[in-house]
PDB file of N, CA and C in Angstrom:
ATOM      1  N   MET A   1     -36.946  98.928 -43.963  1.00  0.00           N
ATOM      2  CA  MET A   1     -35.951  99.750 -44.822  1.00  0.00           C
ATOM      3  C   MET A   1     -34.189  99.412 -44.160  1.00  0.00           C
ATOM      4  N   ARG A   2     -34.421  99.229 -43.139  1.00  0.00           N
ATOM      5  CA  ARG A   2     -32.597  98.622 -42.482  1.00  0.00           C
ATOM      6  C   ARG A   2     -32.238  97.497 -43.274  1.00  0.00           C
ATOM      7  N   ILE A   3     -33.261  96.385 -42.840  1.00  0.00           N
ATOM      8  CA  ILE A   3     -33.172  95.188 -43.498  1.00  0.00           C
ATOM      9  C   ILE A   3     -32.743  94.817 -45.230  1.00  0.00           C
ATOM     10  N   HIS A   4     -33.499  96.387 -45.632  1.00  0.00           N
ATOM     11  CA  HIS A   4     -33.332  96.226 -47.262  1.00  0.00           C
ATOM     12  C   HIS A   4     -31.711  96.895 -47.439  1.00  0.00           C
ATOM     13  N   LEU A   5     -31.085  97.681 -46.741  1.00  0.00           N
ATOM     14  CA  LEU A   5     -30.231  98.265 -46.842  1.00  0.00           C
ATOM     15  C   LEU A   5     -28.886  97.202 -46.414  1.00  0.00           C
ATOM     16  N   PHE A   6     -29.139  96.647 -45.365  1.00  0.00           N
ATOM     17  CA  PHE A   6     -28.384  95.480 -44.369  1.00  0.00           C
ATOM     18  C   PHE A   6     -28.183  94.873 -45.962  1.00  0.00           C
ATOM     19  N   SER A   7     -29.506  94.074 -46.745  1.00  0.00           N
ATOM     20  CA  SER A   7     -29.431  92.795 -47.538  1.00  0.00           C
ATOM     21  C   SER A   7     -28.336  93.371 -48.662  1.00  0.00           C
ATOM     22  N   LEU A   8     -28.389  94.567 -49.175  1.00  0.00           N
ATOM     23  CA  LEU A   8     -27.672  94.940 -50.092  1.00  0.00           C
ATOM     24  C   LEU A   8     -26.564  95.325 -50.034  1.00  0.00           C
ATOM     25  N   LEU A   9     -26.080  95.391 -48.875  1.00  0.00           N
ATOM     26  CA  LEU A   9     -24.555  95.610 -48.014  1.00  0.00           C
ATOM     27  C   LEU A   9     -24.031  94.388 -48.763  1.00  0.00           C
ATOM     28  N   LEU A  10     -24.529  93.470 -48.018  1.00  0.00           N
ATOM     29  CA  LEU A  10     -24.158  91.680 -47.761  1.00  0.00           C
ATOM     30  C   LEU A  10     -23.758  91.519 -49.444  1.00  0.00           C
ATOM     31  N   ILE A  11     -24.644  91.676 -50.104  1.00  0.00           N
ATOM     32  CA  ILE A  11     -24.668  91.147 -51.791  1.00  0.00           C
ATOM     33  C   ILE A  11     -23.819  91.989 -52.024  1.00  0.00           C
ATOM     34  N   ALA A  12     -23.523  93.706 -51.821  1.00  0.00           N
ATOM     35  CA  ALA A  12     -22.320  93.846 -52.277  1.00  0.00           C
ATOM     36  C   ALA A  12     -21.493  93.763 -52.193  1.00  0.00           C
ATOM     37  N   ALA A  13     -21.312  92.968 -50.818  1.00  0.00           N
ATOM     38  CA  ALA A  13     -20.182  92.512 -50.199  1.00  0.00           C
ATOM     39  C   ALA A  13     -19.076  91.223 -50.917  1.00  0.00           C
ATOM     40  N   CYS A  14     -20.382  90.659 -51.736  1.00  0.00           N
ATOM     41  CA  CYS A  14     -19.885  89.068 -52.133  1.00  0.00           C
ATOM     42  C   CYS A  14     -19.961  89.647 -53.631  1.00  0.00           C
ATOM     43  N   SER A  15     -19.135  90.634 -54.036  1.00  0.00           N
ATOM     44  CA  SER A  15     -19.207  90.464 -55.263  1.00  0.00           C
ATOM     45  C   SER A  15     -17.726  89.546 -55.406  1.00  0.00           C
ATOM     46  N   ASN A  16     -17.158  89.416 -57.149  1.00  0.00           N
ATOM     47  CA  ASN A  16     -16.269  88.745 -57.850  1.00  0.00           C
ATOM     48  C   ASN A  16     -15.153  89.296 -58.075  1.00  0.00           C
ATOM     49  N   GLU A  17     -14.880  90.434 -58.214  1.00  0.00           N
ATOM     50  CA  GLU A  17     -14.094  91.669 -57.917  1.00  0.00           C
ATOM     51  C   GLU A  17     -13.008  91.558 -57.257  1.00  0.00           C
ATOM     52  N   ALA A  18     -11.320  91.961 -57.471  1.00  0.00           N
ATOM     53  CA  ALA A  18     -10.441  91.415 -56.729  1.00  0.00           C
ATOM     54  C   ALA A  18     -10.504  92.482 -55.481  1.00  0.00           C
ATOM     55  N   ASN A  19     -10.062  92.436 -54.106  1.00  0.00           N
ATOM     56  CA  ASN A  19     -10.007  93.992 -53.619  1.00  0.00           C
ATOM     57  C   ASN A  19      -8.924  92.833 -52.326  1.00  0.00           C
ATOM     58  N   HIS A  20      -8.708  93.943 -51.497  1.00  0.00           N
ATOM     59  CA  HIS A  20      -7.803  93.854 -50.450  1.00  0.00           C
ATOM     60  C   HIS A  20      -8.547  92.710 -49.160  1.00  0.00           C
ATOM     61  N   LEU A  21      -9.282  93.345 -48.813  1.00  0.00           N
ATOM     62  CA  LEU A  21      -9.995  92.788 -48.193  1.00  0.00           C
ATOM     63  C   LEU A  21     -11.049  90.770 -48.408  1.00  0.00           C
ATOM     64  N   GLY A  22     -10.973  91.125 -49.443  1.00  0.00           N
ATOM     65  CA  GLY A  22     -11.462  89.342 -49.746  1.00  0.00           C
ATOM     66  C   GLY A  22     -13.565  89.662 -49.113  1.00  0.00           C
ATOM     67  N   ASN A  23     -13.434  88.525 -49.163  1.00  0.00           N
ATOM     68  CA  ASN A  23     -15.580  88.208 -48.971  1.00  0.00           C
ATOM     69  C   ASN A  23     -15.088  88.735 -47.278  1.00  0.00           C
ATOM     70  N   PRO A  24     -15.818  90.105 -47.149  1.00  0.00           N
ATOM     71  CA  PRO A  24     -16.317  90.174 -45.439  1.00  0.00           C
ATOM     72  C   PRO A  24     -17.086  89.207 -44.648  1.00  0.00           C
ATOM     73  N   LEU A  25     -17.352  88.351 -45.578  1.00  0.00           N
ATOM     74  CA  LEU A  25     -18.409  86.970 -44.536  1.00  0.00           C
ATOM     75  C   LEU A  25     -17.358  85.853 -44.282  1.00  0.00           C
ATOM     76  N   LEU A  26     -16.344  86.210 -45.057  1.00  0.00           N
ATOM     77  CA  LEU A  26     -15.176  85.125 -44.371  1.00  0.00           C
ATOM     78  C   LEU A  26     -14.115  85.505 -43.299  1.00  0.00           C
ATOM     79  N   LEU A  27     -14.484  87.191 -43.594  1.00  0.00           N
ATOM     80  CA  LEU A  27     -13.320  87.353 -42.419  1.00  0.00           C
ATOM     81  C   LEU A  27     -12.768  86.438 -41.198  1.00  0.00           C
ATOM     82  N   PRO A  28     -13.953  86.575 -40.320  1.00  0.00           N
ATOM     83  CA  PRO A  28     -13.043  85.433 -39.507  1.00  0.00           C
ATOM     84  C   PRO A  28     -12.782  84.855 -39.500  1.00  0.00           C
ATOM     85  N   ILE A  29     -13.240  84.042 -40.500  1.00  0.00           N
ATOM     86  CA  ILE A  29     -12.850  82.343 -40.594  1.00  0.00           C
ATOM     87  C   ILE A  29     -11.036  82.572 -41.143  1.00  0.00           C
ATOM     88  N   SER A  30     -10.697  83.516 -42.158  1.00  0.00           N
ATOM     89  CA  SER A  30      -9.424  83.831 -42.368  1.00  0.00           C
ATOM     90  C   SER A  30      -8.612  84.782 -41.586  1.00  0.00           C
ATOM     91  N   GLY A  31      -9.762  85.623 -40.442  1.00  0.00           N
ATOM     92  CA  GLY A  31      -8.698  86.069 -39.276  1.00  0.00           C
ATOM     93  C   GLY A  31      -8.000  84.938 -38.577  1.00  0.00           C
ATOM     94  N   LEU A  32      -8.966  83.706 -38.431  1.00  0.00           N
ATOM     95  CA  LEU A  32      -8.025  82.767 -37.930  1.00  0.00           C
ATOM     96  C   LEU A  32      -7.176  82.116 -38.089  1.00  0.00           C
ATOM     97  N   GLY A  33      -7.176  81.603 -39.640  1.00  0.00           N
ATOM     98  CA  GLY A  33      -5.929  81.176 -40.123  1.00  0.00           C
ATOM     99  C   GLY A  33      -4.935  82.189 -40.351  1.00  0.00           C
ATOM    100  N   THR A  34      -4.765  83.170 -40.269  1.00  0.00           N
ATOM    101  CA  THR A  34      -3.907  84.545 -39.927  1.00  0.00           C
ATOM    102  C   THR A  34      -3.118  83.987 -38.761  1.00  0.00           C
ATOM    103  N   ALA A  35      -4.246  84.062 -37.405  1.00  0.00           N
ATOM    104  CA  ALA A  35      -3.330  83.902 -36.443  1.00  0.00           C
ATOM    105  C   ALA A  35      -2.610  82.837 -35.712  1.00  0.00           C
ATOM    106  N   ALA A  36      -2.912  81.637 -36.492  1.00  0.00           N
ATOM    107  CA  ALA A  36      -2.529  80.623 -36.435  1.00  0.00           C
ATOM    108  C   ALA A  36      -1.518  80.759 -37.431  1.00  0.00           C
ATOM    109  N   GLY A  37      -1.296  81.612 -38.744  1.00  0.00           N
ATOM    110  CA  GLY A  37      -0.077  81.341 -39.087  1.00  0.00           C
ATOM    111  C   GLY A  37       1.028  82.275 -38.243  1.00  0.00           C
ATOM    112  N   ASN A  38       0.498  83.142 -37.556  1.00  0.00           N
ATOM    113  CA  ASN A  38       1.081  84.279 -36.847  1.00  0.00           C
ATOM    114  C   ASN A  38       1.474  83.090 -35.800  1.00  0.00           C
ATOM    115  N   LEU A  39       1.097  82.713 -35.009  1.00  0.00           N
ATOM    116  CA  LEU A  39       1.840  81.577 -34.086  1.00  0.00           C
ATOM    117  C   LEU A  39       2.858  80.829 -34.227  1.00  0.00           C
ATOM    118  N   ALA A  40       2.506  79.947 -35.511  1.00  0.00           N
ATOM    119  CA  ALA A  40       3.898  78.960 -35.921  1.00  0.00           C
ATOM    120  C   ALA A  40       4.676  79.937 -36.610  1.00  0.00           C
ATOM    121  N   TYR A  41       4.722  80.790 -37.061  1.00  0.00           N
ATOM    122  CA  TYR A  41       5.641  82.058 -37.677  1.00  0.00           C
ATOM    123  C   TYR A  41       6.447  82.164 -36.312  1.00  0.00           C
ATOM    124  N   ASN A  42       5.660  82.996 -35.134  1.00  0.00           N
ATOM    125  CA  ASN A  42       6.395  83.074 -33.977  1.00  0.00           C
ATOM    126  C   ASN A  42       7.314  81.805 -33.603  1.00  0.00           C
ATOM    127  N   GLN A  43       6.928  80.792 -33.063  1.00  0.00           N
ATOM    128  CA  GLN A  43       7.595  79.601 -32.433  1.00  0.00           C
ATOM    129  C   GLN A  43       8.778  78.830 -33.264  1.00  0.00           C
ATOM    130  N   ARG A  44       8.020  79.185 -34.777  1.00  0.00           N
ATOM    131  CA  ARG A  44       9.307  79.014 -35.600  1.00  0.00           C
ATOM    132  C   ARG A  44      10.929  80.304 -35.343  1.00  0.00           C
ATOM    133  N   ARG A  45      10.302  81.327 -35.349  1.00  0.00           N
ATOM    134  CA  ARG A  45      11.083  82.220 -34.806  1.00  0.00           C
ATOM    135  C   ARG A  45      12.111  82.742 -33.731  1.00  0.00           C
ATOM    136  N   GLY A  46      10.986  82.130 -32.939  1.00  0.00           N
ATOM    137  CA  GLY A  46      11.776  81.881 -31.738  1.00  0.00           C
ATOM    138  C   GLY A  46      12.533  80.732 -31.242  1.00  0.00           C
ATOM    139  N   GLN A  47      12.373  79.841 -31.870  1.00  0.00           N
ATOM    140  CA  GLN A  47      13.670  78.151 -32.171  1.00  0.00           C
ATOM    141  C   GLN A  47      14.756  78.921 -32.899  1.00  0.00           C
ATOM    142  N   VAL A  48      14.974  79.590 -34.107  1.00  0.00           N
ATOM    143  CA  VAL A  48      16.173  80.228 -35.044  1.00  0.00           C
ATOM    144  C   VAL A  48      16.584  81.476 -33.557  1.00  0.00           C
ATOM    145  N   GLU A  49      15.699  81.882 -32.846  1.00  0.00           N
ATOM    146  CA  GLU A  49      16.836  82.882 -32.208  1.00  0.00           C
ATOM    147  C   GLU A  49      17.216  82.130 -30.989  1.00  0.00           C
ATOM    148  N   LEU A  50      16.766  81.019 -30.200  1.00  0.00           N
ATOM    149  CA  LEU A  50      17.387  80.381 -29.519  1.00  0.00           C
ATOM    150  C   LEU A  50      18.934  79.580 -29.887  1.00  0.00           C
ATOM    151  N   ILE A  51      18.626  79.362 -31.471  1.00  0.00           N
ATOM    152  CA  ILE A  51      19.874  78.737 -31.836  1.00  0.00           C
ATOM    153  C   ILE A  51      20.720  79.610 -32.003  1.00  0.00           C
ATOM    154  N   VAL A  52      20.462  80.978 -32.611  1.00  0.00           N
ATOM    155  CA  VAL A  52      21.264  81.630 -32.950  1.00  0.00           C
ATOM    156  C   VAL A  52      22.213  82.333 -31.450  1.00  0.00           C
ATOM    157  N   LYS A  53      21.418  82.945 -30.596  1.00  0.00           N
ATOM    158  CA  LYS A  53      21.835  83.262 -29.335  1.00  0.00           C
ATOM    159  C   LYS A  53      22.674  82.267 -28.544  1.00  0.00           C
ATOM    160  N   SER A  54      22.220  81.208 -28.933  1.00  0.00           N
ATOM    161  CA  SER A  54      23.242  80.177 -27.909  1.00  0.00           C
ATOM    162  C   SER A  54      24.458  79.517 -28.265  1.00  0.00           C
ATOM    163  N   ASN A  55      24.580  80.076 -29.890  1.00  0.00           N
ATOM    164  CA  ASN A  55      25.747  79.340 -30.615  1.00  0.00           C
ATOM    165  C   ASN A  55      25.977  80.346 -31.837  1.00  0.00           C
ATOM    166  N   PHE A  56      26.083  81.849 -31.156  1.00  0.00           N
ATOM    167  CA  PHE A  56      26.791  82.588 -31.609  1.00  0.00           C
ATOM    168  C   PHE A  56      27.604  82.531 -32.436  1.00  0.00           C
ATOM    169  N   PRO A  57      28.737  83.180 -31.532  1.00  0.00           N
ATOM    170  CA  PRO A  57      30.368  83.045 -31.607  1.00  0.00           C
ATOM    171  C   PRO A  57      30.547  81.855 -32.607  1.00  0.00           C
ATOM    172  N   GLY A  58      29.835  80.916 -32.668  1.00  0.00           N
ATOM    173  CA  GLY A  58      30.266  79.605 -33.066  1.00  0.00           C
ATOM    174  C   GLY A  58      29.202  79.810 -34.869  1.00  0.00           C
ATOM    175  N   ILE A  59      28.335  80.153 -35.006  1.00  0.00           N
ATOM    176  CA  ILE A  59      27.669  80.619 -35.756  1.00  0.00           C
ATOM    177  C   ILE A  59      27.963  81.690 -36.869  1.00  0.00           C
ATOM    178  N   LEU A  60      28.760  82.531 -36.509  1.00  0.00           N
ATOM    179  CA  LEU A  60      29.282  83.643 -37.250  1.00  0.00           C
ATOM    180  C   LEU A  60      30.957  83.230 -37.811  1.00  0.00           C
ATOM    181  N   THR A  61      31.386  82.055 -37.046  1.00  0.00           N
ATOM    182  CA  THR A  61      32.837  81.572 -37.336  1.00  0.00           C
ATOM    183  C   THR A  61      32.385  80.833 -38.561  1.00  0.00           C
ATOM    184  N   GLU A  62      30.766  79.940 -38.367  1.00  0.00           N
ATOM    185  CA  GLU A  62      30.610  78.951 -39.630  1.00  0.00           C
ATOM    186  C   GLU A  62      29.942  79.554 -40.905  1.00  0.00           C
ATOM    187  N   ILE A  63      29.266  81.187 -40.507  1.00  0.00           N
ATOM    188  CA  ILE A  63      29.221  81.997 -41.588  1.00  0.00           C
ATOM    189  C   ILE A  63      30.369  82.273 -42.702  1.00  0.00           C
ATOM    190  N   ALA A  64      31.122  82.932 -41.487  1.00  0.00           N
ATOM    191  CA  ALA A  64      32.820  83.173 -42.560  1.00  0.00           C
ATOM    192  C   ALA A  64      33.714  82.143 -43.054  1.00  0.00           C
ATOM    193  N   GLU A  65      33.297  80.456 -42.583  1.00  0.00           N
ATOM    194  CA  GLU A  65      33.528  79.657 -43.221  1.00  0.00           C
ATOM    195  C   GLU A  65      32.855  78.978 -44.374  1.00  0.00           C
ATOM    196  N   GLY A  66      31.675  79.364 -44.540  1.00  0.00           N
ATOM    197  CA  GLY A  66      31.216  78.749 -45.626  1.00  0.00           C
ATOM    198  C   GLY A  66      29.852  77.704 -44.422  1.00  0.00           C
ATOM    199  N   GLY A  67      29.762  77.727 -44.083  1.00  0.00           N
ATOM    200  CA  GLY A  67      28.728  76.819 -43.507  1.00  0.00           C
ATOM    201  C   GLY A  67      29.615  75.481 -41.778  1.00  0.00           C
ATOM    202  N   GLY A  68      28.433  75.121 -41.237  1.00  0.00           N
ATOM    203  CA  GLY A  68      28.347  74.307 -40.349  1.00  0.00           C
ATOM    204  C   GLY A  68      27.348  73.272 -39.449  1.00  0.00           C
ATOM    205  N   PRO A  69      27.990  72.624 -38.563  1.00  0.00           N
ATOM    206  CA  PRO A  69      26.227  72.717 -37.942  1.00  0.00           C
ATOM    207  C   PRO A  69      25.025  73.124 -37.351  1.00  0.00           C
ATOM    208  N   ASN A  70      25.536  74.451 -36.550  1.00  0.00           N
ATOM    209  CA  ASN A  70      25.015  75.183 -35.919  1.00  0.00           C
ATOM    210  C   ASN A  70      24.435  75.892 -36.681  1.00  0.00           C
ATOM    211  N   LEU A  71      24.953  76.003 -38.317  1.00  0.00           N
ATOM    212  CA  LEU A  71      24.309  77.407 -39.177  1.00  0.00           C
ATOM    213  C   LEU A  71      23.464  76.558 -39.913  1.00  0.00           C
ATOM    214  N   THR A  72      23.797  75.377 -39.730  1.00  0.00           N
ATOM    215  CA  THR A  72      22.662  73.920 -40.526  1.00  0.00           C
ATOM    216  C   THR A  72      21.327  74.043 -40.159  1.00  0.00           C
ATOM    217  N   GLU A  73      21.595  73.986 -38.971  1.00  0.00           N
ATOM    218  CA  GLU A  73      20.694  73.833 -38.007  1.00  0.00           C
ATOM    219  C   GLU A  73      19.389  75.061 -37.795  1.00  0.00           C
ATOM    220  N   ALA A  74      20.163  76.194 -37.886  1.00  0.00           N
ATOM    221  CA  ALA A  74      19.474  77.405 -37.911  1.00  0.00           C
ATOM    222  C   ALA A  74      18.781  77.671 -39.054  1.00  0.00           C
ATOM    223  N   MET A  75      19.435  77.275 -40.357  1.00  0.00           N
ATOM    224  CA  MET A  75      19.117  77.603 -41.540  1.00  0.00           C
ATOM    225  C   MET A  75      17.344  76.156 -41.798  1.00  0.00           C
ATOM    226  N   ASP A  76      17.822  74.997 -40.969  1.00  0.00           N
ATOM    227  CA  ASP A  76      16.511  73.964 -41.466  1.00  0.00           C
ATOM    228  C   ASP A  76      15.537  74.538 -40.355  1.00  0.00           C
ATOM    229  N   VAL A  77      15.931  75.073 -39.377  1.00  0.00           N
ATOM    230  CA  VAL A  77      14.235  75.785 -38.676  1.00  0.00           C
ATOM    231  C   VAL A  77      14.002  76.986 -39.145  1.00  0.00           C
ATOM    232  N   ALA A  78      14.474  77.690 -39.741  1.00  0.00           N
ATOM    233  CA  ALA A  78      14.098  78.513 -40.272  1.00  0.00           C
ATOM    234  C   ALA A  78      13.274  78.031 -41.909  1.00  0.00           C
ATOM    235  N   ARG A  79      13.697  76.984 -41.948  1.00  0.00           N
ATOM    236  CA  ARG A  79      12.913  76.838 -43.502  1.00  0.00           C
ATOM    237  C   ARG A  79      13.603  77.579 -44.850  1.00  0.00           C
ATOM    238  N   ILE A  80      15.171  77.473 -44.873  1.00  0.00           N
ATOM    239  CA  ILE A  80      15.688  77.646 -46.461  1.00  0.00           C
ATOM    240  C   ILE A  80      16.172  76.851 -47.069  1.00  0.00           C
ATOM    241  N   PRO A  81      15.660  76.932 -47.761  1.00  0.00           N
ATOM    242  CA  PRO A  81      15.715  75.616 -48.920  1.00  0.00           C
ATOM    243  C   PRO A  81      17.351  75.332 -49.070  1.00  0.00           C
ATOM    244  N   GLN A  82      17.205  73.922 -49.443  1.00  0.00           N
ATOM    245  CA  GLN A  82      18.237  73.492 -49.455  1.00  0.00           C
ATOM    246  C   GLN A  82      19.384  74.131 -50.839  1.00  0.00           C
ATOM    247  N   ASN A  83      18.191  74.470 -51.798  1.00  0.00           N
ATOM    248  CA  ASN A  83      19.274  74.366 -53.506  1.00  0.00           C
ATOM    249  C   ASN A  83      19.591  76.534 -53.019  1.00  0.00           C
ATOM    250  N   ASP A  84      19.060  77.334 -51.684  1.00  0.00           N
ATOM    251  CA  ASP A  84      19.420  78.095 -51.821  1.00  0.00           C
ATOM    252  C   ASP A  84      20.332  78.690 -50.632  1.00  0.00           C
ATOM    253  N   ARG A  85      21.038  77.708 -50.267  1.00  0.00           N
ATOM    254  CA  ARG A  85      21.988  78.273 -48.671  1.00  0.00           C
ATOM    255  C   ARG A  85      22.753  78.492 -49.247  1.00  0.00           C
ATOM    256  N   SER A  86      23.603  78.149 -50.583  1.00  0.00           N
ATOM    257  CA  SER A  86      24.996  79.051 -50.356  1.00  0.00           C
ATOM    258  C   SER A  86      24.977  80.434 -51.180  1.00  0.00           C
ATOM    259  N   ALA A  87      24.188  80.657 -51.593  1.00  0.00           N
ATOM    260  CA  ALA A  87      23.724  81.870 -51.683  1.00  0.00           C
ATOM    261  C   ALA A  87      23.159  82.874 -50.925  1.00  0.00           C
ATOM    262  N   ARG A  88      22.421  82.260 -49.903  1.00  0.00           N
ATOM    263  CA  ARG A  88      22.600  83.138 -48.794  1.00  0.00           C
ATOM    264  C   ARG A  88      23.395  83.360 -48.052  1.00  0.00           C
ATOM    265  N   ILE A  89      24.609  82.018 -47.646  1.00  0.00           N
ATOM    266  CA  ILE A  89      25.333  81.902 -46.896  1.00  0.00           C
ATOM    267  C   ILE A  89      26.504  83.089 -47.692  1.00  0.00           C
ATOM    268  N   LEU A  90      26.554  83.362 -48.558  1.00  0.00           N
ATOM    269  CA  LEU A  90      27.251  84.413 -49.165  1.00  0.00           C
ATOM    270  C   LEU A  90      26.974  85.465 -49.319  1.00  0.00           C
ATOM    271  N   GLN A  91      25.267  85.666 -48.519  1.00  0.00           N
ATOM    272  CA  GLN A  91      24.764  86.985 -48.404  1.00  0.00           C
ATOM    273  C   GLN A  91      25.328  87.225 -47.108  1.00  0.00           C
ATOM    274  N   MET A  92      25.444  86.149 -46.650  1.00  0.00           N
ATOM    275  CA  MET A  92      25.721  86.546 -44.728  1.00  0.00           C
ATOM    276  C   MET A  92      27.151  86.798 -44.532  1.00  0.00           C
ATOM    277  N   GLN A  93      27.571  86.750 -45.696  1.00  0.00           N
ATOM    278  CA  GLN A  93      29.180  86.480 -45.246  1.00  0.00           C
ATOM    279  C   GLN A  93      29.591  88.573 -45.184  1.00  0.00           C
ATOM    280  N   GLY A  94      28.543  88.822 -46.627  1.00  0.00           N
ATOM    281  CA  GLY A  94      28.973  90.276 -46.736  1.00  0.00           C
ATOM    282  C   GLY A  94      28.156  91.154 -45.969  1.00  0.00           C
ATOM    283  N   ASP A  95      27.485  90.645 -45.278  1.00  0.00           N
ATOM    284  CA  ASP A  95      26.882  91.265 -43.692  1.00  0.00           C
ATOM    285  C   ASP A  95      27.528  90.713 -42.585  1.00  0.00           C
ATOM    286  N   LEU A  96      28.361  89.973 -42.945  1.00  0.00           N
ATOM    287  CA  LEU A  96      28.856  89.402 -41.394  1.00  0.00           C
ATOM    288  C   LEU A  96      29.093  90.471 -40.089  1.00  0.00           C
ATOM    289  N   ALA A  97      29.742  91.827 -40.398  1.00  0.00           N
ATOM    290  CA  ALA A  97      30.077  92.811 -39.392  1.00  0.00           C
ATOM    291  C   ALA A  97      29.006  93.356 -39.068  1.00  0.00           C
ATOM    292  N   LEU A  98      27.817  93.588 -39.796  1.00  0.00           N
ATOM    293  CA  LEU A  98      26.140  93.242 -39.609  1.00  0.00           C
ATOM    294  C   LEU A  98      26.263  92.445 -38.057  1.00  0.00           C
ATOM    295  N   TYR A  99      26.054  91.433 -38.706  1.00  0.00           N
ATOM    296  CA  TYR A  99      25.545  90.475 -37.611  1.00  0.00           C
ATOM    297  C   TYR A  99      26.386  90.247 -36.322  1.00  0.00           C
ATOM    298  N   GLN A 100      27.405  90.373 -36.639  1.00  0.00           N
ATOM    299  CA  GLN A 100      28.418  90.435 -35.285  1.00  0.00           C
ATOM    300  C   GLN A 100      27.952  91.352 -34.452  1.00  0.00           C
ATOM    301  N   ALA A 101      27.476  92.851 -35.244  1.00  0.00           N
ATOM    302  CA  ALA A 101      27.067  93.475 -33.714  1.00  0.00           C
ATOM    303  C   ALA A 101      25.872  93.471 -33.280  1.00  0.00           C
ATOM    304  N   ASN A 102      25.019  92.649 -34.515  1.00  0.00           N
ATOM    305  CA  ASN A 102      23.515  92.393 -33.671  1.00  0.00           C
ATOM    306  C   ASN A 102      23.022  91.158 -33.880  1.00  0.00           C
ATOM    307  N   PRO A 103      23.162  90.394 -33.507  1.00  0.00           N
ATOM    308  CA  PRO A 103      22.359  88.823 -33.385  1.00  0.00           C
ATOM    309  C   PRO A 103      21.142  88.843 -33.504  1.00  0.00           C
ATOM    310  N   GLY A 104      20.311  89.405 -33.313  1.00  0.00           N
ATOM    311  CA  GLY A 104      18.834  90.265 -33.840  1.00  0.00           C
ATOM    312  C   GLY A 104      18.963  90.356 -35.190  1.00  0.00           C
ATOM    313  N   ALA A 105      19.286  90.675 -36.074  1.00  0.00           N
ATOM    314  CA  ALA A 105      19.764  90.995 -37.306  1.00  0.00           C
ATOM    315  C   ALA A 105      20.011  89.648 -38.125  1.00  0.00           C
ATOM    316  N   LEU A 106      20.789  88.933 -37.698  1.00  0.00           N
ATOM    317  CA  LEU A 106      20.847  87.474 -38.229  1.00  0.00           C
ATOM    318  C   LEU A 106      19.756  86.260 -38.084  1.00  0.00           C
ATOM    319  N   VAL A 107      18.961  86.825 -36.708  1.00  0.00           N
ATOM    320  CA  VAL A 107      17.702  85.906 -36.306  1.00  0.00           C
ATOM    321  C   VAL A 107      16.530  86.308 -37.655  1.00  0.00           C
ATOM    322  N   VAL A 108      16.892  88.020 -38.055  1.00  0.00           N
ATOM    323  CA  VAL A 108      15.550  88.616 -38.830  1.00  0.00           C
ATOM    324  C   VAL A 108      15.862  87.842 -40.423  1.00  0.00           C
ATOM    325  N   ALA A 109      17.617  88.322 -40.570  1.00  0.00           N
ATOM    326  CA  ALA A 109      18.090  87.439 -42.152  1.00  0.00           C
ATOM    327  C   ALA A 109      17.442  86.022 -42.500  1.00  0.00           C
ATOM    328  N   LEU A 110      17.921  85.058 -41.570  1.00  0.00           N
ATOM    329  CA  LEU A 110      17.420  83.752 -41.904  1.00  0.00           C
ATOM    330  C   LEU A 110      16.109  83.437 -41.993  1.00  0.00           C
ATOM    331  N   MET A 111      15.203  84.208 -40.852  1.00  0.00           N
ATOM    332  CA  MET A 111      13.345  84.378 -41.542  1.00  0.00           C
ATOM    333  C   MET A 111      12.989  84.908 -42.659  1.00  0.00           C
ATOM    334  N   VAL A 112      13.477  85.971 -42.935  1.00  0.00           N
ATOM    335  CA  VAL A 112      12.792  86.448 -44.305  1.00  0.00           C
ATOM    336  C   VAL A 112      14.072  85.399 -45.653  1.00  0.00           C
ATOM    337  N   TYR A 113      15.237  84.767 -45.367  1.00  0.00           N
ATOM    338  CA  TYR A 113      15.498  83.448 -46.339  1.00  0.00           C
ATOM    339  C   TYR A 113      14.541  82.465 -46.514  1.00  0.00           C
ATOM    340  N   GLY A 114      13.880  82.384 -45.455  1.00  0.00           N
ATOM    341  CA  GLY A 114      12.997  80.634 -45.293  1.00  0.00           C
ATOM    342  C   GLY A 114      11.674  81.153 -46.270  1.00  0.00           C
ATOM    343  N   GLU A 115      11.141  79.618 -45.706  1.00  0.00           N
ATOM    344  CA  GLU A 115      10.414  79.565 -46.801  1.00  0.00           C
ATOM    345  C   GLU A 115       8.645  80.017 -45.849  1.00  0.00           C
TER     346      GLU A 115
END
């Protein structure tokens, strides 16, 4: 009886209908992929944070001036597309007071703007 119930659950789990979990039989594999993606993101975020905090006064000046080498390096590491950078610098200029008080907010913004 239990084997039939278990088999029925496995068959039902393999439907073609969309759901937020995906195929439950593939959860271990997708979990590994998610863990690897999170690790890569956290490493990249750490690099961006190091650049921002090591060059914080200069980066704030570069944001106000519309760009510079330290800001470019942070944007490169955050993977902000080249064709999107001028718009993002304008946004950062509008939020400059926030970033002056909170370098972590600048790190978050750079990571959000990145791919």
